[in-house]
Amino acid sequence: MNKTLIPVLAAVLALSGCRKAVIEKMAPPDVQQASLRAVSDLRAGRFADVSQSLLDEIRRRDHTADFRKMAASFPDEEARSVSPVGYYFFTGTGGGRYDIVYEYEFTHLWVVAQFSWVRVNGQLQMSNFSITPSPESQDQQNAIHLGGKRPISYVILLLGSLVVALSLAALVKCILTPNLDWKFPWIVFIGVGFGTFSVNWNSGASHFDPLHFQLLSFSAMSRVGESWTFSVSFPVGAVVFLDFLRKRRRAQEAAAQEPPTAS
């Protein structure tokens, strides 16, 4: 493996490992509690309680048959573990929506429960609910395997390592440079990359968004049921700042070599 890829892969694995803690801090507690309670009610056959949490317009239809089918997806045993594996918050003119995903681990099966919640007059109501059994865990399905990928997948990791290293180097130089005017604006400018080129790790599918920007010019994201997508931005701020330092140093060296003028 190219050693330049190690920092990026290490960062991705670290983010994956602390995912549960991050989701539990980000997702509102009532959203987490309502989701877990809905699964508990479903498995216990309390379909009326599950239906009560649905949006009014959805609750008008009888969902008993759907709930029975969902409940049958769970094996007749206690879950070995229950972990949040995805959380997304969307906002718009119609208000906010909370999407949260839990993974239940059993002896020979994993079950993914996905929820969408909205607030109506301050009360949580479920707008979508799905149960999907799987022979593999989400981490196994979306694991990063280095072999057999398209060249563009390796290129995006290499570029990611380079832009992160460049951005961090420029940030450190900016912070440590004495007598630097506009230091804080420089730090902000350096820390943001502009334009985003994204590549799906498994498929190699790519996308370019010239209007997007991101911190440190690199990101790695994996939504539930999808493989990792790596995105690289052009570190404009880092390049401009390092060039600025180079020109300033040359100007200072030139000024130091000039003979003193006679008074």
Protein backbone atom coordinates (compact mmCIF):
# COMPACT_ATOMS: atom_id res chain seq x y z
CA MET A 1 0.00 0.00 0.00
CA ASN A 2 1.25 3.48 -0.77
CA LYS A 3 2.24 5.10 2.54
CA THR A 4 0.60 8.36 1.52
CA LEU A 5 -2.79 6.62 1.73
CA ILE A 6 -2.35 5.58 5.35
CA PRO A 7 -3.39 8.90 6.99
CA VAL A 8 -6.64 9.04 5.03
CA LEU A 9 -7.54 5.40 5.71
CA ALA A 10 -6.70 5.81 9.38
CA ALA A 11 -8.95 8.85 9.62
CA VAL A 12 -11.81 7.01 7.92
CA LEU A 13 -11.50 4.02 10.24
CA ALA A 14 -11.36 6.30 13.28
CA LEU A 15 -14.49 8.12 12.20
CA SER A 16 -16.24 4.80 11.64
CA GLY A 17 -15.22 3.55 15.06
CA CYS A 18 -16.61 6.56 16.93
CA ARG A 19 -19.79 6.75 14.83
CA LYS A 20 -22.08 5.53 17.62
CA ALA A 21 -20.86 8.17 20.08
CA VAL A 22 -21.19 10.93 17.49
CA ILE A 23 -24.74 9.96 16.52
CA GLU A 24 -25.83 9.68 20.15
CA LYS A 25 -24.57 13.22 20.75
CA MET A 26 -26.03 14.71 17.55
CA ALA A 27 -29.46 13.08 17.40
CA PRO A 28 -32.08 14.57 19.74
CA PRO A 29 -32.71 12.24 22.70
CA ASP A 30 -36.46 12.08 22.04
CA VAL A 31 -35.80 10.95 18.44
CA GLN A 32 -33.55 8.16 19.70
CA GLN A 33 -36.01 7.10 22.39
CA ALA A 34 -39.00 7.16 20.04
CA SER A 35 -37.16 5.03 17.46
CA LEU A 36 -36.09 2.39 19.95
CA ARG A 37 -39.56 2.33 21.48
CA ALA A 38 -41.15 1.84 18.04
CA VAL A 39 -39.02 -1.27 17.41
CA SER A 40 -39.79 -2.59 20.88
CA ASP A 41 -43.53 -2.09 20.31
CA LEU A 42 -43.30 -3.69 16.89
CA ARG A 43 -41.55 -6.82 18.16
CA ALA A 44 -44.00 -7.11 21.06
CA GLY A 45 -46.98 -6.92 18.71
CA ARG A 46 -48.16 -3.56 20.04
CA PHE A 47 -49.09 -2.38 16.57
CA ALA A 48 -51.61 0.17 17.83
CA ASP A 49 -48.82 1.97 19.70
CA VAL A 50 -46.62 2.00 16.59
CA SER A 51 -49.52 3.32 14.52
CA GLN A 52 -50.15 6.05 17.09
CA SER A 53 -46.71 7.52 16.40
CA LEU A 54 -47.38 7.90 12.66
CA LEU A 55 -48.31 11.15 10.96
CA ASP A 56 -52.04 11.78 11.00
CA GLU A 57 -52.45 11.42 7.24
CA ILE A 58 -50.51 8.12 7.25
CA ARG A 59 -52.28 6.72 10.32
CA ARG A 60 -55.67 6.85 8.58
CA ARG A 61 -54.78 3.63 6.70
CA ASP A 62 -54.56 0.28 8.47
CA HIS A 63 -50.90 -0.78 8.58
CA THR A 64 -51.36 -3.97 10.62
CA ALA A 65 -50.33 -6.28 7.76
CA ASP A 66 -47.20 -4.19 7.12
CA PHE A 67 -46.30 -4.23 10.80
CA ARG A 68 -46.71 -8.01 11.02
CA LYS A 69 -44.36 -8.45 8.08
CA MET A 70 -41.81 -6.11 9.67
CA ALA A 71 -42.02 -7.91 13.00
CA ALA A 72 -41.42 -11.24 11.28
CA SER A 73 -38.06 -9.91 10.05
CA PHE A 74 -36.71 -10.16 13.61
CA PRO A 75 -35.56 -13.56 14.90
CA ASP A 76 -37.07 -14.86 18.13
CA GLU A 77 -34.15 -13.91 20.35
CA GLU A 78 -32.75 -10.91 22.17
CA ALA A 79 -30.49 -8.65 20.16
CA ARG A 80 -26.80 -9.03 20.92
CA SER A 81 -26.30 -5.32 20.32
CA VAL A 82 -28.24 -2.28 19.15
CA SER A 83 -26.24 0.52 17.52
CA PRO A 84 -27.12 3.74 15.72
CA VAL A 85 -25.41 3.60 12.32
CA GLY A 86 -26.81 6.68 10.60
CA TYR A 87 -28.30 10.07 11.43
CA TYR A 88 -29.26 12.86 9.04
CA PHE A 89 -31.10 16.12 9.66
CA PHE A 90 -32.86 17.90 6.81
CA THR A 91 -34.44 21.33 6.98
CA GLY A 92 -36.61 23.23 4.53
CA THR A 93 -39.64 25.45 4.21
CA GLY A 94 -41.83 22.67 5.60
CA GLY A 95 -39.70 22.28 8.74
CA GLY A 96 -37.07 19.80 9.86
CA ARG A 97 -36.88 16.05 9.38
CA TYR A 98 -34.83 13.63 11.45
CA ASP A 99 -33.67 10.42 9.78
CA ILE A 100 -32.06 7.88 12.09
CA VAL A 101 -30.96 4.30 11.46
CA TYR A 102 -30.37 1.52 13.96
CA GLU A 103 -28.72 -1.84 13.43
CA TYR A 104 -29.78 -4.84 15.53
CA GLU A 105 -27.29 -7.70 15.74
CA PHE A 106 -28.53 -11.27 16.25
CA THR A 107 -26.78 -14.63 16.15
CA HIS A 108 -26.98 -15.17 12.39
CA LEU A 109 -28.66 -11.98 11.18
CA TRP A 110 -28.58 -8.21 11.27
CA VAL A 111 -31.71 -6.08 11.03
CA VAL A 112 -31.63 -2.43 9.96
CA ALA A 113 -34.44 -0.16 11.20
CA GLN A 114 -34.77 3.21 9.46
CA PHE A 115 -36.98 6.03 10.71
CA SER A 116 -37.99 9.49 9.53
CA TRP A 117 -39.44 11.83 12.14
CA VAL A 118 -40.99 15.30 11.92
CA ARG A 119 -42.31 17.64 14.57
CA VAL A 120 -45.95 18.63 14.36
CA ASN A 121 -46.93 21.25 16.94
CA GLY A 122 -43.86 20.28 18.93
CA GLN A 123 -44.71 16.57 18.93
CA LEU A 124 -42.67 13.91 17.14
CA GLN A 125 -44.51 11.99 14.44
CA MET A 126 -43.15 9.27 12.17
CA SER A 127 -43.28 9.95 8.44
CA ASN A 128 -41.46 6.78 7.32
CA PHE A 129 -40.47 3.46 8.86
CA SER A 130 -38.74 0.45 7.31
CA ILE A 131 -37.19 -2.81 8.52
CA THR A 132 -34.54 -4.58 6.42
CA PRO A 133 -32.89 -7.89 7.40
CA SER A 134 -29.35 -8.51 6.19
CA PRO A 135 -26.88 -11.42 6.33
CA GLU A 136 -24.04 -8.93 6.94
CA SER A 137 -23.54 -5.93 9.16
CA GLN A 138 -23.41 -2.45 7.65
CA ASP A 139 -19.68 -2.24 8.38
CA GLN A 140 -19.09 -5.48 6.49
CA GLN A 141 -21.18 -4.36 3.52
CA ASN A 142 -19.48 -0.99 3.25
CA ALA A 143 -15.96 -2.01 4.28
CA ILE A 144 -13.03 -0.45 2.44
CA HIS A 145 -11.17 -3.13 0.49
CA LEU A 146 -8.03 -1.99 -1.33
CA GLY A 147 -7.95 -4.68 -3.99
CA GLY A 148 -9.74 -4.67 -7.33
CA LYS A 149 -10.79 -1.03 -7.44
CA ARG A 150 -10.74 1.33 -10.38
CA PRO A 151 -7.70 3.61 -10.70
CA ILE A 152 -9.81 6.70 -9.93
CA SER A 153 -10.55 5.29 -6.46
CA TYR A 154 -6.84 5.12 -5.63
CA VAL A 155 -6.23 8.54 -7.18
CA ILE A 156 -8.86 10.18 -4.95
CA LEU A 157 -7.22 8.74 -1.82
CA LEU A 158 -3.80 9.91 -2.95
CA LEU A 159 -5.13 13.40 -3.68
CA GLY A 160 -6.93 13.40 -0.35
CA SER A 161 -3.70 12.68 1.51
CA LEU A 162 -1.88 15.42 -0.38
CA VAL A 163 -4.50 18.17 0.10
CA VAL A 164 -4.94 17.39 3.79
CA ALA A 165 -1.17 17.47 4.34
CA LEU A 166 -0.88 20.72 2.37
CA SER A 167 -3.76 22.35 4.24
CA LEU A 168 -2.43 21.34 7.65
CA ALA A 169 1.09 22.51 6.78
CA ALA A 170 -0.25 25.89 5.65
CA LEU A 171 -2.38 26.22 8.80
CA VAL A 172 0.59 25.51 11.07
CA LYS A 173 2.77 28.00 9.18
CA CYS A 174 0.03 30.61 9.38
CA ILE A 175 -0.44 30.18 13.12
CA LEU A 176 3.32 30.27 13.81
CA THR A 177 4.18 33.16 11.46
CA PRO A 178 4.89 36.31 13.53
CA ASN A 179 3.78 39.79 12.53
CA LEU A 180 1.20 38.46 10.09
CA ASP A 181 -1.61 40.84 9.24
CA TRP A 182 -5.13 39.43 8.95
CA LYS A 183 -4.11 36.15 10.60
CA PHE A 184 -7.62 34.95 11.46
CA PRO A 185 -9.03 35.55 7.94
CA TRP A 186 -5.99 33.70 6.60
CA ILE A 187 -6.76 30.73 8.87
CA VAL A 188 -10.36 30.58 7.66
CA PHE A 189 -9.29 30.90 4.02
CA ILE A 190 -6.69 28.14 4.38
CA GLY A 191 -9.07 25.76 6.15
CA VAL A 192 -11.66 25.69 3.35
CA GLY A 193 -11.32 23.95 -0.01
CA PHE A 194 -13.37 25.06 -2.99
CA GLY A 195 -15.04 22.93 -5.63
CA THR A 196 -15.53 19.22 -4.90
CA PHE A 197 -14.60 16.14 -6.90
CA SER A 198 -16.26 13.05 -5.37
CA VAL A 199 -15.66 9.36 -6.09
CA ASN A 200 -17.60 6.33 -4.88
CA TRP A 201 -14.97 3.93 -3.53
CA ASN A 202 -16.56 0.70 -4.77
CA SER A 203 -18.12 1.73 -8.08
CA GLY A 204 -15.66 4.43 -9.12
CA ALA A 205 -18.56 6.71 -10.07
CA SER A 206 -17.46 10.35 -9.92
CA HIS A 207 -19.11 13.74 -9.64
CA PHE A 208 -17.84 17.33 -9.74
CA ASP A 209 -19.55 20.22 -7.97
CA PRO A 210 -17.83 23.57 -8.61
CA LEU A 211 -19.98 25.41 -6.03
CA HIS A 212 -19.30 23.14 -3.06
CA PHE A 213 -16.68 23.70 -0.35
CA GLN A 214 -15.43 21.68 2.62
CA LEU A 215 -13.05 21.86 5.56
CA LEU A 216 -9.43 20.85 4.95
CA SER A 217 -10.34 20.11 1.32
CA PHE A 218 -11.22 16.47 1.98
CA SER A 219 -14.09 14.42 3.35
CA ALA A 220 -15.19 10.79 3.63
CA MET A 221 -18.85 9.85 3.99
CA SER A 222 -20.82 6.63 4.07
CA ARG A 223 -24.59 6.58 4.35
CA VAL A 224 -26.38 3.42 5.45
CA GLY A 225 -26.51 0.86 2.66
CA GLU A 226 -23.98 2.77 0.55
CA SER A 227 -20.24 2.47 0.12
CA TRP A 228 -17.79 5.21 1.09
CA THR A 229 -17.62 8.35 -1.00
CA PHE A 230 -14.41 10.39 -0.89
CA SER A 231 -14.44 14.06 -1.87
CA VAL A 232 -11.47 16.31 -2.64
CA SER A 233 -11.52 20.08 -3.02
CA PHE A 234 -8.86 22.42 -4.35
CA PRO A 235 -6.98 23.97 -1.38
CA VAL A 236 -6.99 27.49 -2.80
CA GLY A 237 -6.32 29.15 0.54
CA ALA A 238 -3.36 26.92 1.36
CA VAL A 239 -1.77 27.43 -2.06
CA VAL A 240 -2.29 31.21 -2.01
CA PHE A 241 -0.94 31.53 1.55
CA LEU A 242 2.18 29.46 0.91
CA ASP A 243 2.85 31.49 -2.23
CA PHE A 244 2.32 34.68 -0.20
CA LEU A 245 4.87 33.51 2.38
CA ARG A 246 7.36 32.64 -0.37
CA LYS A 247 7.07 36.08 -1.98
CA ARG A 248 7.26 37.85 1.38
CA ARG A 249 10.40 35.94 2.34
CA ARG A 250 12.05 36.82 -0.97
CA ALA A 251 11.14 40.47 -0.51
CA GLN A 252 12.61 40.45 3.00
CA GLU A 253 15.80 38.77 1.77
CA ALA A 254 16.13 41.31 -1.06
CA ALA A 255 15.61 44.20 1.35
CA ALA A 256 18.26 42.81 3.71
CA GLN A 257 20.82 42.61 0.87
CA GLU A 258 20.33 46.19 -0.28
CA PRO A 259 23.14 48.53 0.82
CA PRO A 260 22.10 51.17 3.32
CA THR A 261 21.41 54.53 1.74
CA ALA A 262 23.69 57.42 2.67
CA SER A 263 22.08 59.98 4.90
